[in-house]
């Protein structure tokens, strides 16, 4: 029996380009403010919120609100499950590239 094609290892929740970008930015484990994520990925508030909801529902990110001086801010962090899912996605992408580069 042959090995399954590497594309079968891709996770639809993680693989969507915006969500993949969010997880890549959060991968270091350092919390990132909503506005910074929005600017880095060049998204609208609504679009970023929609993708964060998908990741939150899958328990891949968490959000924390702070209300220090001035305007309240939302801080996002990757969860252990998010880090695991992102790393698995990278592994699947590397396998896909290796397969595609075979003569």
N, C-alpha and C. Protein backbone atom coordinates (compact mmCIF):
# COMPACT_ATOMS: atom_id res chain seq x y z
N UNK A 1 0.84 -1.19 0.00
CA UNK A 1 0.00 0.00 0.00
C UNK A 1 0.89 1.25 0.00
N UNK A 2 0.49 2.25 -0.74
CA UNK A 2 1.30 3.46 -0.85
C UNK A 2 0.95 4.45 0.26
N UNK A 3 1.89 5.33 0.51
CA UNK A 3 1.67 6.39 1.50
C UNK A 3 0.58 7.33 1.01
N UNK A 4 -0.23 7.89 1.93
CA UNK A 4 -1.23 8.87 1.51
C UNK A 4 -0.55 10.14 1.01
N UNK A 5 -1.19 10.80 0.09
CA UNK A 5 -0.63 12.04 -0.46
C UNK A 5 -0.53 13.09 0.65
N UNK A 6 0.55 13.88 0.69
CA UNK A 6 0.75 14.86 1.76
C UNK A 6 -0.37 15.90 1.89
N UNK A 7 -1.09 16.13 0.84
CA UNK A 7 -2.18 17.12 0.91
C UNK A 7 -3.25 16.70 1.92
N UNK A 8 -3.34 15.40 2.17
CA UNK A 8 -4.32 14.91 3.14
C UNK A 8 -3.96 15.29 4.57
N UNK A 9 -2.72 15.72 4.78
CA UNK A 9 -2.29 16.16 6.10
C UNK A 9 -2.58 17.61 6.40
N UNK A 10 -3.06 18.36 5.40
CA UNK A 10 -3.37 19.78 5.62
C UNK A 10 -4.67 19.92 6.39
N UNK A 11 -4.69 20.85 7.31
CA UNK A 11 -5.85 21.12 8.16
C UNK A 11 -6.57 22.34 7.60
N UNK A 12 -7.82 22.19 7.20
CA UNK A 12 -8.57 23.29 6.59
C UNK A 12 -8.71 24.50 7.51
N UNK A 13 -8.78 24.28 8.80
CA UNK A 13 -8.90 25.40 9.74
C UNK A 13 -7.61 26.20 9.76
N UNK A 14 -6.49 25.54 9.77
CA UNK A 14 -5.19 26.20 9.84
C UNK A 14 -4.74 26.69 8.47
N UNK A 15 -5.00 25.94 7.43
CA UNK A 15 -4.41 26.19 6.11
C UNK A 15 -4.92 27.45 5.42
N UNK A 16 -6.09 27.91 5.74
CA UNK A 16 -6.59 29.14 5.11
C UNK A 16 -5.54 30.23 5.32
N UNK A 17 -5.19 31.01 4.29
CA UNK A 17 -4.01 31.86 4.34
C UNK A 17 -4.01 32.88 5.46
N UNK A 18 -5.14 33.49 5.78
CA UNK A 18 -5.19 34.47 6.87
C UNK A 18 -4.95 33.78 8.21
N UNK A 19 -5.63 32.66 8.42
CA UNK A 19 -5.46 31.94 9.69
C UNK A 19 -4.03 31.40 9.82
N UNK A 20 -3.45 30.95 8.72
CA UNK A 20 -2.06 30.50 8.74
C UNK A 20 -1.15 31.67 9.12
N UNK A 21 -1.43 32.84 8.59
CA UNK A 21 -0.66 34.04 8.92
C UNK A 21 -0.80 34.43 10.38
N UNK A 22 -2.00 34.35 10.91
CA UNK A 22 -2.23 34.67 12.32
C UNK A 22 -1.41 33.73 13.20
N UNK A 23 -1.50 32.44 12.93
CA UNK A 23 -0.77 31.46 13.74
C UNK A 23 0.74 31.63 13.59
N UNK A 24 1.20 31.98 12.39
CA UNK A 24 2.63 32.21 12.18
C UNK A 24 3.11 33.40 13.02
N UNK A 25 2.31 34.46 13.05
CA UNK A 25 2.69 35.63 13.84
C UNK A 25 2.67 35.34 15.34
N UNK A 26 1.74 34.51 15.77
CA UNK A 26 1.62 34.21 17.19
C UNK A 26 2.52 33.06 17.63
N UNK A 27 3.14 32.35 16.69
CA UNK A 27 3.91 31.13 16.98
C UNK A 27 4.99 31.31 18.04
N UNK A 28 5.55 32.49 18.16
CA UNK A 28 6.63 32.72 19.13
C UNK A 28 6.14 32.58 20.56
N UNK A 29 4.84 32.67 20.76
CA UNK A 29 4.28 32.57 22.10
C UNK A 29 4.10 33.92 22.78
N UNK A 30 4.57 34.98 22.14
CA UNK A 30 4.41 36.33 22.68
C UNK A 30 3.02 36.85 22.28
N UNK A 31 2.31 37.41 23.26
CA UNK A 31 0.98 37.98 22.97
C UNK A 31 1.12 39.13 21.98
N UNK A 32 0.17 39.23 21.08
CA UNK A 32 0.17 40.30 20.09
C UNK A 32 -1.15 41.04 20.15
N UNK A 33 -1.09 42.35 20.08
CA UNK A 33 -2.29 43.19 20.15
C UNK A 33 -3.05 43.10 18.83
N UNK A 34 -4.37 43.13 18.93
CA UNK A 34 -5.26 43.00 17.78
C UNK A 34 -4.85 43.95 16.65
N UNK A 35 -4.61 45.21 16.98
CA UNK A 35 -4.27 46.20 15.95
C UNK A 35 -2.98 45.88 15.22
N UNK A 36 -2.02 45.31 15.92
CA UNK A 36 -0.76 44.93 15.28
C UNK A 36 -1.00 43.79 14.31
N UNK A 37 -1.78 42.79 14.73
CA UNK A 37 -2.14 41.69 13.82
C UNK A 37 -2.85 42.24 12.58
N UNK A 38 -3.80 43.12 12.82
CA UNK A 38 -4.58 43.71 11.71
C UNK A 38 -3.65 44.41 10.73
N UNK A 39 -2.72 45.20 11.23
CA UNK A 39 -1.81 45.93 10.35
C UNK A 39 -0.85 44.99 9.63
N UNK A 40 -0.29 44.02 10.34
CA UNK A 40 0.66 43.08 9.74
C UNK A 40 0.02 42.31 8.58
N UNK A 41 -1.23 41.92 8.76
CA UNK A 41 -1.91 41.11 7.75
C UNK A 41 -2.75 41.93 6.78
N UNK A 42 -2.79 43.24 7.02
CA UNK A 42 -3.54 44.19 6.17
C UNK A 42 -5.01 43.78 6.02
N UNK A 43 -5.67 43.66 7.18
CA UNK A 43 -7.06 43.24 7.22
C UNK A 43 -7.93 44.33 7.82
N UNK A 44 -9.23 44.21 7.60
CA UNK A 44 -10.17 45.07 8.30
C UNK A 44 -10.45 44.44 9.67
N UNK A 45 -11.00 45.22 10.58
CA UNK A 45 -11.36 44.68 11.90
C UNK A 45 -12.29 43.49 11.76
N UNK A 46 -13.30 43.63 10.91
CA UNK A 46 -14.30 42.57 10.74
C UNK A 46 -13.71 41.30 10.19
N UNK A 47 -12.83 41.43 9.21
CA UNK A 47 -12.22 40.25 8.60
C UNK A 47 -11.33 39.53 9.61
N UNK A 48 -10.51 40.29 10.34
CA UNK A 48 -9.66 39.68 11.35
C UNK A 48 -10.50 39.02 12.44
N UNK A 49 -11.54 39.70 12.88
CA UNK A 49 -12.42 39.12 13.90
C UNK A 49 -13.01 37.79 13.45
N UNK A 50 -13.43 37.72 12.20
CA UNK A 50 -14.03 36.49 11.68
C UNK A 50 -13.04 35.32 11.73
N UNK A 51 -11.80 35.57 11.35
CA UNK A 51 -10.79 34.51 11.36
C UNK A 51 -10.39 34.16 12.80
N UNK A 52 -10.31 35.16 13.67
CA UNK A 52 -9.99 34.87 15.07
C UNK A 52 -11.08 34.03 15.72
N UNK A 53 -12.32 34.26 15.34
CA UNK A 53 -13.44 33.47 15.88
C UNK A 53 -13.28 32.00 15.50
N UNK A 54 -12.92 31.74 14.25
CA UNK A 54 -12.71 30.36 13.80
C UNK A 54 -11.58 29.71 14.61
N UNK A 55 -10.48 30.45 14.79
CA UNK A 55 -9.35 29.90 15.54
C UNK A 55 -9.69 29.73 17.01
N UNK A 56 -10.45 30.66 17.57
CA UNK A 56 -10.87 30.56 18.96
C UNK A 56 -11.81 29.37 19.16
N UNK A 57 -12.76 29.20 18.26
CA UNK A 57 -13.70 28.07 18.34
C UNK A 57 -12.96 26.73 18.28
N UNK A 58 -11.83 26.70 17.56
CA UNK A 58 -11.04 25.48 17.45
C UNK A 58 -10.01 25.39 18.59
N UNK A 59 -10.04 26.33 19.51
CA UNK A 59 -9.13 26.38 20.67
C UNK A 59 -7.67 26.52 20.26
N UNK A 60 -7.41 27.21 19.15
CA UNK A 60 -6.05 27.40 18.67
C UNK A 60 -5.45 28.73 19.13
N UNK A 61 -6.30 29.70 19.48
CA UNK A 61 -5.85 30.98 20.02
C UNK A 61 -6.75 31.37 21.19
N UNK A 62 -6.23 32.27 22.02
CA UNK A 62 -7.04 32.84 23.09
C UNK A 62 -6.91 34.35 23.03
N UNK A 63 -7.94 35.03 23.49
CA UNK A 63 -7.96 36.50 23.52
C UNK A 63 -8.12 36.96 24.96
N UNK A 64 -7.42 38.05 25.26
CA UNK A 64 -7.52 38.65 26.59
C UNK A 64 -7.66 40.16 26.40
N UNK A 65 -8.64 40.74 27.07
CA UNK A 65 -8.84 42.19 26.98
C UNK A 65 -8.15 42.87 28.15
N UNK A 66 -7.53 44.00 27.84
CA UNK A 66 -6.95 44.81 28.91
C UNK A 66 -7.56 46.20 28.81
N UNK A 67 -7.79 46.80 29.95
CA UNK A 67 -8.39 48.13 29.95
C UNK A 67 -7.59 49.06 30.85
N UNK A 68 -6.31 49.16 30.54
CA UNK A 68 -5.43 50.07 31.27
C UNK A 68 -5.78 51.50 30.90
N UNK A 69 -4.78 52.29 30.71
CA UNK A 69 -5.01 53.67 30.29
C UNK A 69 -5.57 53.71 28.88
N UNK A 70 -6.45 54.65 28.66
CA UNK A 70 -6.98 54.83 27.31
C UNK A 70 -7.93 53.73 26.89
N UNK A 71 -7.86 53.44 25.64
CA UNK A 71 -8.77 52.51 25.00
C UNK A 71 -8.47 51.05 25.36
N UNK A 72 -9.50 50.24 25.57
CA UNK A 72 -9.26 48.81 25.84
C UNK A 72 -8.58 48.14 24.64
N UNK A 73 -7.72 47.19 24.92
CA UNK A 73 -7.02 46.47 23.87
C UNK A 73 -7.26 44.98 24.01
N UNK A 74 -7.22 44.28 22.89
CA UNK A 74 -7.35 42.83 22.87
C UNK A 74 -5.99 42.24 22.52
N UNK A 75 -5.55 41.32 23.36
CA UNK A 75 -4.27 40.64 23.17
C UNK A 75 -4.53 39.19 22.79
N UNK A 76 -3.87 38.71 21.77
CA UNK A 76 -4.05 37.35 21.28
C UNK A 76 -2.81 36.53 21.55
N UNK A 77 -3.02 35.28 21.92
CA UNK A 77 -1.92 34.33 22.09
C UNK A 77 -2.31 32.99 21.46
N UNK A 78 -1.29 32.27 21.05
CA UNK A 78 -1.51 30.93 20.51
C UNK A 78 -1.59 29.95 21.69
N UNK A 79 -2.42 28.96 21.58
CA UNK A 79 -2.52 27.94 22.62
C UNK A 79 -1.54 26.81 22.29
N UNK A 80 -1.38 25.89 23.22
CA UNK A 80 -0.54 24.71 22.94
C UNK A 80 -1.11 23.94 21.75
N UNK A 81 -2.43 23.81 21.71
CA UNK A 81 -3.08 23.12 20.58
C UNK A 81 -2.83 23.88 19.28
N UNK A 82 -2.82 25.19 19.34
CA UNK A 82 -2.56 26.01 18.16
C UNK A 82 -1.14 25.82 17.66
N UNK A 83 -0.19 25.78 18.59
CA UNK A 83 1.21 25.57 18.23
C UNK A 83 1.38 24.18 17.60
N UNK A 84 0.74 23.19 18.19
CA UNK A 84 0.81 21.83 17.65
C UNK A 84 0.20 21.76 16.24
N UNK A 85 -0.96 22.40 16.06
CA UNK A 85 -1.62 22.39 14.76
C UNK A 85 -0.79 23.13 13.71
N UNK A 86 -0.19 24.25 14.10
CA UNK A 86 0.64 25.01 13.17
C UNK A 86 1.87 24.19 12.77
N UNK A 87 2.52 23.56 13.75
CA UNK A 87 3.69 22.74 13.45
C UNK A 87 3.33 21.56 12.55
N UNK A 88 2.17 20.95 12.77
CA UNK A 88 1.71 19.85 11.91
C UNK A 88 1.47 20.35 10.49
N UNK A 89 0.94 21.56 10.38
CA UNK A 89 0.70 22.15 9.06
C UNK A 89 2.03 22.36 8.32
N UNK A 90 3.04 22.87 9.03
CA UNK A 90 4.35 23.05 8.41
C UNK A 90 4.94 21.72 7.96
N UNK A 91 4.78 20.69 8.77
CA UNK A 91 5.26 19.36 8.40
C UNK A 91 4.57 18.86 7.14
N UNK A 92 3.25 19.05 7.07
CA UNK A 92 2.49 18.62 5.89
C UNK A 92 2.91 19.42 4.65
N UNK A 93 3.17 20.70 4.82
CA UNK A 93 3.60 21.53 3.69
C UNK A 93 4.99 21.12 3.21
N UNK A 94 5.88 20.81 4.14
CA UNK A 94 7.22 20.34 3.75
C UNK A 94 7.12 19.02 2.98
N UNK A 95 6.26 18.12 3.43
CA UNK A 95 6.07 16.84 2.74
C UNK A 95 5.50 17.07 1.34
N UNK A 96 4.58 18.01 1.23
CA UNK A 96 3.99 18.33 -0.06
C UNK A 96 5.05 18.88 -1.01
N UNK A 97 5.89 19.77 -0.52
CA UNK A 97 6.96 20.33 -1.34
C UNK A 97 7.92 19.24 -1.77
N UNK A 98 8.30 18.37 -0.83
CA UNK A 98 9.22 17.27 -1.17
C UNK A 98 8.64 16.37 -2.26
N UNK A 99 7.35 16.10 -2.15
CA UNK A 99 6.68 15.26 -3.15
C UNK A 99 6.67 15.96 -4.51
N UNK A 100 6.39 17.24 -4.50
CA UNK A 100 6.30 18.00 -5.75
C UNK A 100 7.67 18.14 -6.42
N UNK A 101 8.74 18.12 -5.63
CA UNK A 101 10.08 18.31 -6.19
C UNK A 101 10.74 17.00 -6.62
N UNK A 102 10.07 15.88 -6.39
CA UNK A 102 10.63 14.59 -6.83
C UNK A 102 10.61 14.54 -8.34
N UNK A 103 11.69 13.98 -8.91
CA UNK A 103 11.74 13.89 -10.39
C UNK A 103 10.70 12.93 -10.94
